[in-house]
């Protein structure tokens, strides 16, 4: 289970990097447009999610820290899902990336719930 959570988190990080590369090439990154703000929030939260999942699956992490990481990761996944919905709503290009990411978010939520039930 821990390996699955780590793998899903690293895949989301790769998708985020690809998505940002695509938009950096296609749009003016310095713009304060809503899509750029959402993309920046998406990228930042995916990086935080990656850090939290590493703490979650580490055998050296205390139980209290794991509980905190679990709650934090669950909230972040919900936020990420909303960011992708917002990006789809404003109809940006590259919606294929967003659909893949939303599927990964759903999968990550399932993994986190299974992990929690396994404690």
PDB file of N, CA and C in Angstrom:
ATOM      1  N   UNK A   1       0.822  -1.190   0.000  1.00  0.00           N
ATOM      2  CA  UNK A   1       0.000   0.000   0.000  1.00  0.00           C
ATOM      3  C   UNK A   1       0.869   1.258   0.000  1.00  0.00           C
ATOM      4  N   UNK A   2       1.923   1.245   0.818  1.00  0.00           N
ATOM      5  CA  UNK A   2       2.794   2.419   0.882  1.00  0.00           C
ATOM      6  C   UNK A   2       3.447   2.706  -0.459  1.00  0.00           C
ATOM      7  N   UNK A   3       3.844   1.641  -1.150  1.00  0.00           N
ATOM      8  CA  UNK A   3       4.464   1.816  -2.462  1.00  0.00           C
ATOM      9  C   UNK A   3       3.466   2.414  -3.447  1.00  0.00           C
ATOM     10  N   UNK A   4       2.211   1.989  -3.375  1.00  0.00           N
ATOM     11  CA  UNK A   4       1.185   2.525  -4.280  1.00  0.00           C
ATOM     12  C   UNK A   4       0.960   4.012  -4.046  1.00  0.00           C
ATOM     13  N   UNK A   5       0.915   4.412  -2.772  1.00  0.00           N
ATOM     14  CA  UNK A   5       0.719   5.828  -2.457  1.00  0.00           C
ATOM     15  C   UNK A   5       1.900   6.646  -2.961  1.00  0.00           C
ATOM     16  N   UNK A   6       3.111   6.158  -2.741  1.00  0.00           N
ATOM     17  CA  UNK A   6       4.305   6.877  -3.212  1.00  0.00           C
ATOM     18  C   UNK A   6       4.327   6.972  -4.728  1.00  0.00           C
ATOM     19  N   UNK A   7       3.966   5.877  -5.392  1.00  0.00           N
ATOM     20  CA  UNK A   7       3.962   5.868  -6.857  1.00  0.00           C
ATOM     21  C   UNK A   7       2.927   6.849  -7.404  1.00  0.00           C
ATOM     22  N   UNK A   8       1.736   6.841  -6.836  1.00  0.00           N
ATOM     23  CA  UNK A   8       0.682   7.754  -7.288  1.00  0.00           C
ATOM     24  C   UNK A   8       1.110   9.203  -7.089  1.00  0.00           C
ATOM     25  N   UNK A   9       1.725   9.479  -5.963  1.00  0.00           N
ATOM     26  CA  UNK A   9       2.190  10.838  -5.679  1.00  0.00           C
ATOM     27  C   UNK A   9       3.266  11.275  -6.667  1.00  0.00           C
ATOM     28  N   UNK A  10       4.200  10.385  -6.978  1.00  0.00           N
ATOM     29  CA  UNK A  10       5.255  10.749  -7.930  1.00  0.00           C
ATOM     30  C   UNK A  10       4.697  10.915  -9.340  1.00  0.00           C
ATOM     31  N   UNK A  11       3.680  10.136  -9.695  1.00  0.00           N
ATOM     32  CA  UNK A  11       3.041  10.301 -11.006  1.00  0.00           C
ATOM     33  C   UNK A  11       2.330  11.653 -11.100  1.00  0.00           C
ATOM     34  N   UNK A  12       1.689  12.057 -10.023  1.00  0.00           N
ATOM     35  CA  UNK A  12       1.040  13.378 -10.010  1.00  0.00           C
ATOM     36  C   UNK A  12       2.067  14.487 -10.161  1.00  0.00           C
ATOM     37  N   UNK A  13       3.222  14.308  -9.538  1.00  0.00           N
ATOM     38  CA  UNK A  13       4.286  15.304  -9.657  1.00  0.00           C
ATOM     39  C   UNK A  13       4.773  15.398 -11.105  1.00  0.00           C
ATOM     40  N   UNK A  14       4.904  14.262 -11.775  1.00  0.00           N
ATOM     41  CA  UNK A  14       5.311  14.258 -13.191  1.00  0.00           C
ATOM     42  C   UNK A  14       4.255  14.937 -14.060  1.00  0.00           C
ATOM     43  N   UNK A  15       2.986  14.629 -13.800  1.00  0.00           N
ATOM     44  CA  UNK A  15       1.907  15.261 -14.564  1.00  0.00           C
ATOM     45  C   UNK A  15       1.900  16.769 -14.366  1.00  0.00           C
ATOM     46  N   UNK A  16       2.117  17.194 -13.142  1.00  0.00           N
ATOM     47  CA  UNK A  16       2.150  18.626 -12.849  1.00  0.00           C
ATOM     48  C   UNK A  16       3.285  19.309 -13.594  1.00  0.00           C
ATOM     49  N   UNK A  17       4.445  18.677 -13.610  1.00  0.00           N
ATOM     50  CA  UNK A  17       5.591  19.229 -14.332  1.00  0.00           C
ATOM     51  C   UNK A  17       5.289  19.329 -15.820  1.00  0.00           C
ATOM     52  N   UNK A  18       4.680  18.284 -16.381  1.00  0.00           N
ATOM     53  CA  UNK A  18       4.320  18.299 -17.805  1.00  0.00           C
ATOM     54  C   UNK A  18       3.296  19.381 -18.107  1.00  0.00           C
ATOM     55  N   UNK A  19       2.301  19.504 -17.238  1.00  0.00           N
ATOM     56  CA  UNK A  19       1.270  20.512 -17.437  1.00  0.00           C
ATOM     57  C   UNK A  19       1.858  21.914 -17.396  1.00  0.00           C
ATOM     58  N   UNK A  20       2.723  22.176 -16.442  1.00  0.00           N
ATOM     59  CA  UNK A  20       3.350  23.494 -16.345  1.00  0.00           C
ATOM     60  C   UNK A  20       4.269  23.768 -17.523  1.00  0.00           C
ATOM     61  N   UNK A  21       4.972  22.761 -18.003  1.00  0.00           N
ATOM     62  CA  UNK A  21       5.825  22.933 -19.176  1.00  0.00           C
ATOM     63  C   UNK A  21       4.976  23.301 -20.389  1.00  0.00           C
ATOM     64  N   UNK A  22       3.849  22.618 -20.538  1.00  0.00           N
ATOM     65  CA  UNK A  22       2.934  22.885 -21.645  1.00  0.00           C
ATOM     66  C   UNK A  22       2.429  24.324 -21.588  1.00  0.00           C
ATOM     67  N   UNK A  23       2.019  24.785 -20.414  1.00  0.00           N
ATOM     68  CA  UNK A  23       1.466  26.133 -20.298  1.00  0.00           C
ATOM     69  C   UNK A  23       2.525  27.218 -20.316  1.00  0.00           C
ATOM     70  N   UNK A  24       3.725  26.922 -19.843  1.00  0.00           N
ATOM     71  CA  UNK A  24       4.804  27.908 -19.951  1.00  0.00           C
ATOM     72  C   UNK A  24       5.123  28.185 -21.411  1.00  0.00           C
ATOM     73  N   UNK A  25       5.062  27.151 -22.244  1.00  0.00           N
ATOM     74  CA  UNK A  25       5.351  27.312 -23.663  1.00  0.00           C
ATOM     75  C   UNK A  25       4.191  27.980 -24.400  1.00  0.00           C
ATOM     76  N   UNK A  26       2.958  27.716 -23.960  1.00  0.00           N
ATOM     77  CA  UNK A  26       1.789  28.195 -24.699  1.00  0.00           C
ATOM     78  C   UNK A  26       1.290  29.571 -24.264  1.00  0.00           C
ATOM     79  N   UNK A  27       1.522  29.934 -23.021  1.00  0.00           N
ATOM     80  CA  UNK A  27       0.955  31.170 -22.498  1.00  0.00           C
ATOM     81  C   UNK A  27       2.026  32.020 -21.839  1.00  0.00           C
ATOM     82  N   UNK A  28       1.678  33.256 -21.598  1.00  0.00           N
ATOM     83  CA  UNK A  28       2.555  34.160 -20.864  1.00  0.00           C
ATOM     84  C   UNK A  28       2.485  33.795 -19.387  1.00  0.00           C
ATOM     85  N   UNK A  29       3.560  33.262 -18.857  1.00  0.00           N
ATOM     86  CA  UNK A  29       3.564  32.780 -17.475  1.00  0.00           C
ATOM     87  C   UNK A  29       3.456  33.912 -16.465  1.00  0.00           C
ATOM     88  N   UNK A  30       3.869  35.122 -16.826  1.00  0.00           N
ATOM     89  CA  UNK A  30       3.827  36.237 -15.895  1.00  0.00           C
ATOM     90  C   UNK A  30       2.444  36.831 -15.704  1.00  0.00           C
ATOM     91  N   UNK A  31       1.495  36.395 -16.471  1.00  0.00           N
ATOM     92  CA  UNK A  31       0.144  36.933 -16.405  1.00  0.00           C
ATOM     93  C   UNK A  31      -0.520  36.581 -15.077  1.00  0.00           C
ATOM     94  N   UNK A  32      -1.393  37.455 -14.620  1.00  0.00           N
ATOM     95  CA  UNK A  32      -2.150  37.199 -13.391  1.00  0.00           C
ATOM     96  C   UNK A  32      -3.539  36.648 -13.713  1.00  0.00           C
ATOM     97  N   UNK A  33      -3.674  36.011 -14.849  1.00  0.00           N
ATOM     98  CA  UNK A  33      -4.959  35.449 -15.247  1.00  0.00           C
ATOM     99  C   UNK A  33      -5.345  34.317 -14.296  1.00  0.00           C
ATOM    100  N   UNK A  34      -6.637  34.050 -14.227  1.00  0.00           N
ATOM    101  CA  UNK A  34      -7.140  33.013 -13.333  1.00  0.00           C
ATOM    102  C   UNK A  34      -6.493  31.667 -13.623  1.00  0.00           C
ATOM    103  N   UNK A  35      -6.329  31.346 -14.903  1.00  0.00           N
ATOM    104  CA  UNK A  35      -5.738  30.043 -15.236  1.00  0.00           C
ATOM    105  C   UNK A  35      -4.324  29.915 -14.695  1.00  0.00           C
ATOM    106  N   UNK A  36      -3.548  30.993 -14.748  1.00  0.00           N
ATOM    107  CA  UNK A  36      -2.184  30.935 -14.221  1.00  0.00           C
ATOM    108  C   UNK A  36      -2.174  30.799 -12.704  1.00  0.00           C
ATOM    109  N   UNK A  37      -3.090  31.481 -12.043  1.00  0.00           N
ATOM    110  CA  UNK A  37      -3.187  31.359 -10.587  1.00  0.00           C
ATOM    111  C   UNK A  37      -3.568  29.938 -10.192  1.00  0.00           C
ATOM    112  N   UNK A  38      -4.523  29.347 -10.916  1.00  0.00           N
ATOM    113  CA  UNK A  38      -4.929  27.976 -10.625  1.00  0.00           C
ATOM    114  C   UNK A  38      -3.808  26.986 -10.917  1.00  0.00           C
ATOM    115  N   UNK A  39      -3.086  27.201 -12.009  1.00  0.00           N
ATOM    116  CA  UNK A  39      -1.968  26.315 -12.337  1.00  0.00           C
ATOM    117  C   UNK A  39      -0.868  26.396 -11.290  1.00  0.00           C
ATOM    118  N   UNK A  40      -0.587  27.599 -10.808  1.00  0.00           N
ATOM    119  CA  UNK A  40       0.423  27.749  -9.757  1.00  0.00           C
ATOM    120  C   UNK A  40      -0.025  27.075  -8.468  1.00  0.00           C
ATOM    121  N   UNK A  41      -1.292  27.228  -8.113  1.00  0.00           N
ATOM    122  CA  UNK A  41      -1.816  26.580  -6.909  1.00  0.00           C
ATOM    123  C   UNK A  41      -1.780  25.062  -7.050  1.00  0.00           C
ATOM    124  N   UNK A  42      -2.120  24.574  -8.229  1.00  0.00           N
ATOM    125  CA  UNK A  42      -2.090  23.141  -8.503  1.00  0.00           C
ATOM    126  C   UNK A  42      -0.679  22.595  -8.349  1.00  0.00           C
ATOM    127  N   UNK A  43       0.277  23.274  -8.936  1.00  0.00           N
ATOM    128  CA  UNK A  43       1.671  22.843  -8.870  1.00  0.00           C
ATOM    129  C   UNK A  43       2.191  22.858  -7.432  1.00  0.00           C
ATOM    130  N   UNK A  44       1.915  23.923  -6.715  1.00  0.00           N
ATOM    131  CA  UNK A  44       2.381  24.043  -5.330  1.00  0.00           C
ATOM    132  C   UNK A  44       1.780  22.954  -4.447  1.00  0.00           C
ATOM    133  N   UNK A  45       0.476  22.736  -4.574  1.00  0.00           N
ATOM    134  CA  UNK A  45      -0.170  21.735  -3.729  1.00  0.00           C
ATOM    135  C   UNK A  45       0.267  20.318  -4.065  1.00  0.00           C
ATOM    136  N   UNK A  46       0.567  20.044  -5.324  1.00  0.00           N
ATOM    137  CA  UNK A  46       1.062  18.713  -5.674  1.00  0.00           C
ATOM    138  C   UNK A  46       2.430  18.481  -5.050  1.00  0.00           C
ATOM    139  N   UNK A  47       3.265  19.508  -5.015  1.00  0.00           N
ATOM    140  CA  UNK A  47       4.572  19.367  -4.367  1.00  0.00           C
ATOM    141  C   UNK A  47       4.411  19.122  -2.869  1.00  0.00           C
ATOM    142  N   UNK A  48       3.480  19.824  -2.240  1.00  0.00           N
ATOM    143  CA  UNK A  48       3.214  19.616  -0.810  1.00  0.00           C
ATOM    144  C   UNK A  48       2.648  18.213  -0.578  1.00  0.00           C
ATOM    145  N   UNK A  49       1.750  17.771  -1.461  1.00  0.00           N
ATOM    146  CA  UNK A  49       1.186  16.428  -1.350  1.00  0.00           C
ATOM    147  C   UNK A  49       2.284  15.381  -1.429  1.00  0.00           C
ATOM    148  N   UNK A  50       3.239  15.582  -2.321  1.00  0.00           N
ATOM    149  CA  UNK A  50       4.344  14.641  -2.455  1.00  0.00           C
ATOM    150  C   UNK A  50       5.141  14.549  -1.156  1.00  0.00           C
ATOM    151  N   UNK A  51       5.403  15.682  -0.534  1.00  0.00           N
ATOM    152  CA  UNK A  51       6.127  15.693   0.744  1.00  0.00           C
ATOM    153  C   UNK A  51       5.321  14.992   1.837  1.00  0.00           C
ATOM    154  N   UNK A  52       4.018  15.245   1.880  1.00  0.00           N
ATOM    155  CA  UNK A  52       3.182  14.631   2.916  1.00  0.00           C
ATOM    156  C   UNK A  52       3.074  13.122   2.735  1.00  0.00           C
ATOM    157  N   UNK A  53       2.997  12.658   1.493  1.00  0.00           N
ATOM    158  CA  UNK A  53       2.908  11.214   1.282  1.00  0.00           C
ATOM    159  C   UNK A  53       4.224  10.528   1.620  1.00  0.00           C
ATOM    160  N   UNK A  54       5.343  11.212   1.403  1.00  0.00           N
ATOM    161  CA  UNK A  54       6.622  10.636   1.821  1.00  0.00           C
ATOM    162  C   UNK A  54       6.659  10.464   3.332  1.00  0.00           C
ATOM    163  N   UNK A  55       6.166  11.458   4.063  1.00  0.00           N
ATOM    164  CA  UNK A  55       6.112  11.356   5.523  1.00  0.00           C
ATOM    165  C   UNK A  55       5.121  10.279   5.957  1.00  0.00           C
ATOM    166  N   UNK A  56       4.053  10.135   5.201  1.00  0.00           N
ATOM    167  CA  UNK A  56       3.012   9.169   5.529  1.00  0.00           C
ATOM    168  C   UNK A  56       3.517   7.738   5.436  1.00  0.00           C
ATOM    169  N   UNK A  57       4.307   7.437   4.419  1.00  0.00           N
ATOM    170  CA  UNK A  57       4.735   6.057   4.188  1.00  0.00           C
ATOM    171  C   UNK A  57       6.086   5.730   4.812  1.00  0.00           C
ATOM    172  N   UNK A  58       6.759   6.706   5.341  1.00  0.00           N
ATOM    173  CA  UNK A  58       8.068   6.467   5.945  1.00  0.00           C
ATOM    174  C   UNK A  58       7.928   5.672   7.245  1.00  0.00           C
ATOM    175  N   UNK A  59       8.735   4.618   7.407  1.00  0.00           N
ATOM    176  CA  UNK A  59       8.664   3.842   8.653  1.00  0.00           C
ATOM    177  C   UNK A  59       9.222   4.605   9.857  1.00  0.00           C
ATOM    178  N   UNK A  60       9.982   5.660   9.616  1.00  0.00           N
ATOM    179  CA  UNK A  60      10.586   6.422  10.704  1.00  0.00           C
ATOM    180  C   UNK A  60       9.673   7.511  11.254  1.00  0.00           C
ATOM    181  N   UNK A  61       8.550   7.732  10.607  1.00  0.00           N
ATOM    182  CA  UNK A  61       7.628   8.786  11.013  1.00  0.00           C
ATOM    183  C   UNK A  61       6.774   8.318  12.190  1.00  0.00           C
ATOM    184  N   UNK A  62       6.575   9.188  13.168  1.00  0.00           N
ATOM    185  CA  UNK A  62       5.749   8.848  14.334  1.00  0.00           C
ATOM    186  C   UNK A  62       4.280   8.726  13.930  1.00  0.00           C
ATOM    187  N   UNK A  63       3.504   8.075  14.787  1.00  0.00           N
ATOM    188  CA  UNK A  63       2.078   7.889  14.501  1.00  0.00           C
ATOM    189  C   UNK A  63       1.330   9.224  14.450  1.00  0.00           C
ATOM    190  N   UNK A  64       1.704  10.132  15.313  1.00  0.00           N
ATOM    191  CA  UNK A  64       1.064  11.451  15.319  1.00  0.00           C
ATOM    192  C   UNK A  64       1.337  12.194  14.010  1.00  0.00           C
ATOM    193  N   UNK A  65       2.567  12.134  13.540  1.00  0.00           N
ATOM    194  CA  UNK A  65       2.933  12.777  12.275  1.00  0.00           C
ATOM    195  C   UNK A  65       2.208  12.108  11.108  1.00  0.00           C
ATOM    196  N   UNK A  66       2.063  10.769  11.155  1.00  0.00           N
ATOM    197  CA  UNK A  66       1.338  10.066  10.091  1.00  0.00           C
ATOM    198  C   UNK A  66      -0.127  10.491  10.058  1.00  0.00           C
ATOM    199  N   UNK A  67      -0.725  10.641  11.233  1.00  0.00           N
ATOM    200  CA  UNK A  67      -2.120  11.090  11.298  1.00  0.00           C
ATOM    201  C   UNK A  67      -2.262  12.496  10.714  1.00  0.00           C
ATOM    202  N   UNK A  68      -1.346  13.371  11.077  1.00  0.00           N
ATOM    203  CA  UNK A  68      -1.340  14.734  10.540  1.00  0.00           C
ATOM    204  C   UNK A  68      -1.153  14.709   9.021  1.00  0.00           C
ATOM    205  N   UNK A  69      -0.198  13.914   8.552  1.00  0.00           N
ATOM    206  CA  UNK A  69       0.074  13.826   7.112  1.00  0.00           C
ATOM    207  C   UNK A  69      -1.128  13.282   6.362  1.00  0.00           C
ATOM    208  N   UNK A  70      -1.812  12.295   6.953  1.00  0.00           N
ATOM    209  CA  UNK A  70      -3.000  11.734   6.318  1.00  0.00           C
ATOM    210  C   UNK A  70      -4.087  12.795   6.163  1.00  0.00           C
ATOM    211  N   UNK A  71      -4.378  13.515   7.240  1.00  0.00           N
ATOM    212  CA  UNK A  71      -5.419  14.550   7.180  1.00  0.00           C
ATOM    213  C   UNK A  71      -5.047  15.654   6.195  1.00  0.00           C
ATOM    214  N   UNK A  72      -3.800  16.060   6.229  1.00  0.00           N
ATOM    215  CA  UNK A  72      -3.333  17.115   5.337  1.00  0.00           C
ATOM    216  C   UNK A  72      -3.410  16.664   3.879  1.00  0.00           C
ATOM    217  N   UNK A  73      -2.968  15.427   3.602  1.00  0.00           N
ATOM    218  CA  UNK A  73      -3.003  14.899   2.234  1.00  0.00           C
ATOM    219  C   UNK A  73      -4.436  14.787   1.733  1.00  0.00           C
ATOM    220  N   UNK A  74      -5.355  14.381   2.586  1.00  0.00           N
ATOM    221  CA  UNK A  74      -6.761  14.269   2.192  1.00  0.00           C
ATOM    222  C   UNK A  74      -7.332  15.629   1.798  1.00  0.00           C
ATOM    223  N   UNK A  75      -7.025  16.644   2.578  1.00  0.00           N
ATOM    224  CA  UNK A  75      -7.497  18.002   2.267  1.00  0.00           C
ATOM    225  C   UNK A  75      -6.878  18.501   0.964  1.00  0.00           C
ATOM    226  N   UNK A  76      -5.591  18.250   0.777  1.00  0.00           N
ATOM    227  CA  UNK A  76      -4.910  18.705  -0.438  1.00  0.00           C
ATOM    228  C   UNK A  76      -5.506  18.043  -1.672  1.00  0.00           C
ATOM    229  N   UNK A  77      -5.800  16.739  -1.595  1.00  0.00           N
ATOM    230  CA  UNK A  77      -6.378  16.043  -2.749  1.00  0.00           C
ATOM    231  C   UNK A  77      -7.734  16.647  -3.105  1.00  0.00           C
ATOM    232  N   UNK A  78      -8.536  16.983  -2.104  1.00  0.00           N
ATOM    233  CA  UNK A  78      -9.828  17.632  -2.379  1.00  0.00           C
ATOM    234  C   UNK A  78      -9.618  18.986  -3.060  1.00  0.00           C
ATOM    235  N   UNK A  79      -8.654  19.759  -2.572  1.00  0.00           N
ATOM    236  CA  UNK A  79      -8.358  21.058  -3.186  1.00  0.00           C
ATOM    237  C   UNK A  79      -7.887  20.897  -4.624  1.00  0.00           C
ATOM    238  N   UNK A  80      -7.020  19.926  -4.853  1.00  0.00           N
ATOM    239  CA  UNK A  80      -6.498  19.699  -6.200  1.00  0.00           C
ATOM    240  C   UNK A  80      -7.615  19.342  -7.169  1.00  0.00           C
ATOM    241  N   UNK A  81      -8.553  18.542  -6.709  1.00  0.00           N
ATOM    242  CA  UNK A  81      -9.685  18.189  -7.550  1.00  0.00           C
ATOM    243  C   UNK A  81     -10.481  19.436  -7.927  1.00  0.00           C
ATOM    244  N   UNK A  82     -10.654  20.356  -6.993  1.00  0.00           N
ATOM    245  CA  UNK A  82     -11.374  21.596  -7.284  1.00  0.00           C
ATOM    246  C   UNK A  82     -10.597  22.488  -8.254  1.00  0.00           C
ATOM    247  N   UNK A  83      -9.275  22.532  -8.110  1.00  0.00           N
ATOM    248  CA  UNK A  83      -8.457  23.322  -9.041  1.00  0.00           C
ATOM    249  C   UNK A  83      -8.627  22.812 -10.470  1.00  0.00           C
ATOM    250  N   UNK A  84      -8.589  21.487 -10.640  1.00  0.00           N
ATOM    251  CA  UNK A  84      -8.737  20.948 -11.995  1.00  0.00           C
ATOM    252  C   UNK A  84     -10.138  21.204 -12.533  1.00  0.00           C
ATOM    253  N   UNK A  85     -11.137  21.135 -11.674  1.00  0.00           N
ATOM    254  CA  UNK A  85     -12.498  21.464 -12.121  1.00  0.00           C
ATOM    255  C   UNK A  85     -12.581  22.915 -12.581  1.00  0.00           C
ATOM    256  N   UNK A  86     -11.944  23.798 -11.840  1.00  0.00           N
ATOM    257  CA  UNK A  86     -11.929  25.208 -12.224  1.00  0.00           C
ATOM    258  C   UNK A  86     -11.234  25.426 -13.551  1.00  0.00           C
ATOM    259  N   UNK A  87     -10.128  24.732 -13.759  1.00  0.00           N
ATOM    260  CA  UNK A  87      -9.410  24.863 -15.028  1.00  0.00           C
ATOM    261  C   UNK A  87     -10.228  24.312 -16.185  1.00  0.00           C
ATOM    262  N   UNK A  88     -10.950  23.214 -15.950  1.00  0.00           N
ATOM    263  CA  UNK A  88     -11.816  22.679 -16.994  1.00  0.00           C
ATOM    264  C   UNK A  88     -12.978  23.635 -17.271  1.00  0.00           C
ATOM    265  N   UNK A  89     -13.480  24.270 -16.231  1.00  0.00           N
ATOM    266  CA  UNK A  89     -14.616  25.185 -16.373  1.00  0.00           C
ATOM    267  C   UNK A  89     -14.266  26.389 -17.238  1.00  0.00           C
ATOM    268  N   UNK A  90     -13.043  26.915 -17.092  1.00  0.00           N
ATOM    269  CA  UNK A  90     -12.670  28.065 -17.914  1.00  0.00           C
ATOM    270  C   UNK A  90     -12.150  27.628 -19.282  1.00  0.00           C
ATOM    271  N   UNK A  91     -12.261  26.332 -19.549  1.00  0.00           N
ATOM    272  CA  UNK A  91     -11.993  25.751 -20.869  1.00  0.00           C
ATOM    273  C   UNK A  91     -10.610  26.086 -21.409  1.00  0.00           C
ATOM    274  N   UNK A  92      -9.600  25.703 -20.667  1.00  0.00           N
ATOM    275  CA  UNK A  92      -8.236  25.896 -21.149  1.00  0.00           C
ATOM    276  C   UNK A  92      -7.852  24.738 -22.062  1.00  0.00           C
ATOM    277  N   UNK A  93      -6.795  24.945 -22.828  1.00  0.00           N
ATOM    278  CA  UNK A  93      -6.279  23.870 -23.667  1.00  0.00           C
ATOM    279  C   UNK A  93      -5.619  22.820 -22.780  1.00  0.00           C
ATOM    280  N   UNK A  94      -5.409  21.649 -23.338  1.00  0.00           N
ATOM    281  CA  UNK A  94      -4.734  20.596 -22.594  1.00  0.00           C
ATOM    282  C   UNK A  94      -5.623  19.932 -21.564  1.00  0.00           C
ATOM    283  N   UNK A  95      -6.895  19.819 -21.863  1.00  0.00           N
ATOM    284  CA  UNK A  95      -7.815  19.210 -20.899  1.00  0.00           C
ATOM    285  C   UNK A  95      -7.521  17.737 -20.676  1.00  0.00           C
ATOM    286  N   UNK A  96      -6.782  17.124 -21.610  1.00  0.00           N
ATOM    287  CA  UNK A  96      -6.405  15.721 -21.418  1.00  0.00           C
ATOM    288  C   UNK A  96      -5.549  15.558 -20.166  1.00  0.00           C
ATOM    289  N   UNK A  97      -4.612  16.488 -19.955  1.00  0.00           N
ATOM    290  CA  UNK A  97      -3.810  16.456 -18.731  1.00  0.00           C
ATOM    291  C   UNK A  97      -4.713  16.529 -17.503  1.00  0.00           C
ATOM    292  N   UNK A  98      -5.680  17.416 -17.564  1.00  0.00           N
ATOM    293  CA  UNK A  98      -6.559  17.620 -16.410  1.00  0.00           C
ATOM    294  C   UNK A  98      -7.411  16.392 -16.127  1.00  0.00           C
ATOM    295  N   UNK A  99      -7.895  15.746 -17.171  1.00  0.00           N
ATOM    296  CA  UNK A  99      -8.696  14.533 -16.972  1.00  0.00           C
ATOM    297  C   UNK A  99      -7.856  13.427 -16.349  1.00  0.00           C
ATOM    298  N   UNK A 100      -6.635  13.285 -16.827  1.00  0.00           N
ATOM    299  CA  UNK A 100      -5.742  12.277 -16.252  1.00  0.00           C
ATOM    300  C   UNK A 100      -5.466  12.604 -14.789  1.00  0.00           C
ATOM    301  N   UNK A 101      -5.222  13.875 -14.503  1.00  0.00           N
ATOM    302  CA  UNK A 101      -4.950  14.270 -13.124  1.00  0.00           C
ATOM    303  C   UNK A 101      -6.154  14.009 -12.225  1.00  0.00           C
ATOM    304  N   UNK A 102      -7.338  14.292 -12.703  1.00  0.00           N
ATOM    305  CA  UNK A 102      -8.529  14.053 -11.874  1.00  0.00           C
ATOM    306  C   UNK A 102      -8.693  12.577 -11.580  1.00  0.00           C
ATOM    307  N   UNK A 103      -8.393  11.721 -12.558  1.00  0.00           N
ATOM    308  CA  UNK A 103      -8.444  10.276 -12.308  1.00  0.00           C
ATOM    309  C   UNK A 103      -7.417   9.883 -11.254  1.00  0.00           C
ATOM    310  N   UNK A 104      -6.235  10.479 -11.329  1.00  0.00           N
ATOM    311  CA  UNK A 104      -5.196  10.195 -10.340  1.00  0.00           C
ATOM    312  C   UNK A 104      -5.602  10.691  -8.953  1.00  0.00           C
ATOM    313  N   UNK A 105      -6.301  11.822  -8.884  1.00  0.00           N
ATOM    314  CA  UNK A 105      -6.752  12.326  -7.588  1.00  0.00           C
ATOM    315  C   UNK A 105      -7.761  11.372  -6.956  1.00  0.00           C
ATOM    316  N   UNK A 106      -8.676  10.860  -7.779  1.00  0.00           N
ATOM    317  CA  UNK A 106      -9.662   9.896  -7.278  1.00  0.00           C
ATOM    318  C   UNK A 106      -8.944   8.644  -6.783  1.00  0.00           C
ATOM    319  N   UNK A 107      -7.969   8.188  -7.566  1.00  0.00           N
ATOM    320  CA  UNK A 107      -7.196   7.008  -7.175  1.00  0.00           C
ATOM    321  C   UNK A 107      -6.430   7.271  -5.883  1.00  0.00           C
ATOM    322  N   UNK A 108      -5.845   8.455  -5.748  1.00  0.00           N
ATOM    323  CA  UNK A 108      -5.096   8.805  -4.537  1.00  0.00           C
ATOM    324  C   UNK A 108      -6.023   8.826  -3.325  1.00  0.00           C
ATOM    325  N   UNK A 109      -7.228   9.347  -3.478  1.00  0.00           N
ATOM    326  CA  UNK A 109      -8.179   9.350  -2.354  1.00  0.00           C
ATOM    327  C   UNK A 109      -8.517   7.933  -1.924  1.00  0.00           C
ATOM    328  N   UNK A 110      -8.712   7.049  -2.899  1.00  0.00           N
ATOM    329  CA  UNK A 110      -8.991   5.647  -2.564  1.00  0.00           C
ATOM    330  C   UNK A 110      -7.818   5.019  -1.824  1.00  0.00           C
ATOM    331  N   UNK A 111      -6.603   5.274  -2.310  1.00  0.00           N
ATOM    332  CA  UNK A 111      -5.423   4.725  -1.649  1.00  0.00           C
ATOM    333  C   UNK A 111      -5.288   5.243  -0.220  1.00  0.00           C
ATOM    334  N   UNK A 112      -5.519   6.529  -0.038  1.00  0.00           N
ATOM    335  CA  UNK A 112      -5.424   7.097   1.306  1.00  0.00           C
ATOM    336  C   UNK A 112      -6.470   6.488   2.240  1.00  0.00           C
ATOM    337  N   UNK A 113      -7.682   6.285   1.735  1.00  0.00           N
ATOM    338  CA  UNK A 113      -8.722   5.674   2.567  1.00  0.00           C
ATOM    339  C   UNK A 113      -8.390   4.226   2.903  1.00  0.00           C
ATOM    340  N   UNK A 114      -7.860   3.479   1.934  1.00  0.00           N
ATOM    341  CA  UNK A 114      -7.447   2.099   2.203  1.00  0.00           C
ATOM    342  C   UNK A 114      -6.313   2.072   3.222  1.00  0.00           C
ATOM    343  N   UNK A 115      -5.385   3.000   3.077  1.00  0.00           N
ATOM    344  CA  UNK A 115      -4.272   3.068   4.021  1.00  0.00           C
ATOM    345  C   UNK A 115      -4.803   3.330   5.422  1.00  0.00           C
ATOM    346  N   UNK A 116      -5.740   4.249   5.535  1.00  0.00           N
ATOM    347  CA  UNK A 116      -6.316   4.613   6.834  1.00  0.00           C
ATOM    348  C   UNK A 116      -7.042   3.435   7.458  1.00  0.00           C
ATOM    349  N   UNK A 117      -7.790   2.683   6.656  1.00  0.00           N
ATOM    350  CA  UNK A 117      -8.511   1.519   7.169  1.00  0.00           C
ATOM    351  C   UNK A 117      -7.558   0.409   7.598  1.00  0.00           C
ATOM    352  N   UNK A 118      -6.378   0.385   7.002  1.00  0.00           N
ATOM    353  CA  UNK A 118      -5.388  -0.640   7.333  1.00  0.00           C
ATOM    354  C   UNK A 118      -4.672  -0.405   8.646  1.00  0.00           C
ATOM    355  N   UNK A 119      -4.829   0.754   9.250  1.00  0.00           N
ATOM    356  CA  UNK A 119      -4.148   1.042  10.527  1.00  0.00           C
ATOM    357  C   UNK A 119      -4.767   0.308  11.686  1.00  0.00           C
TER     358      UNK A 119
END
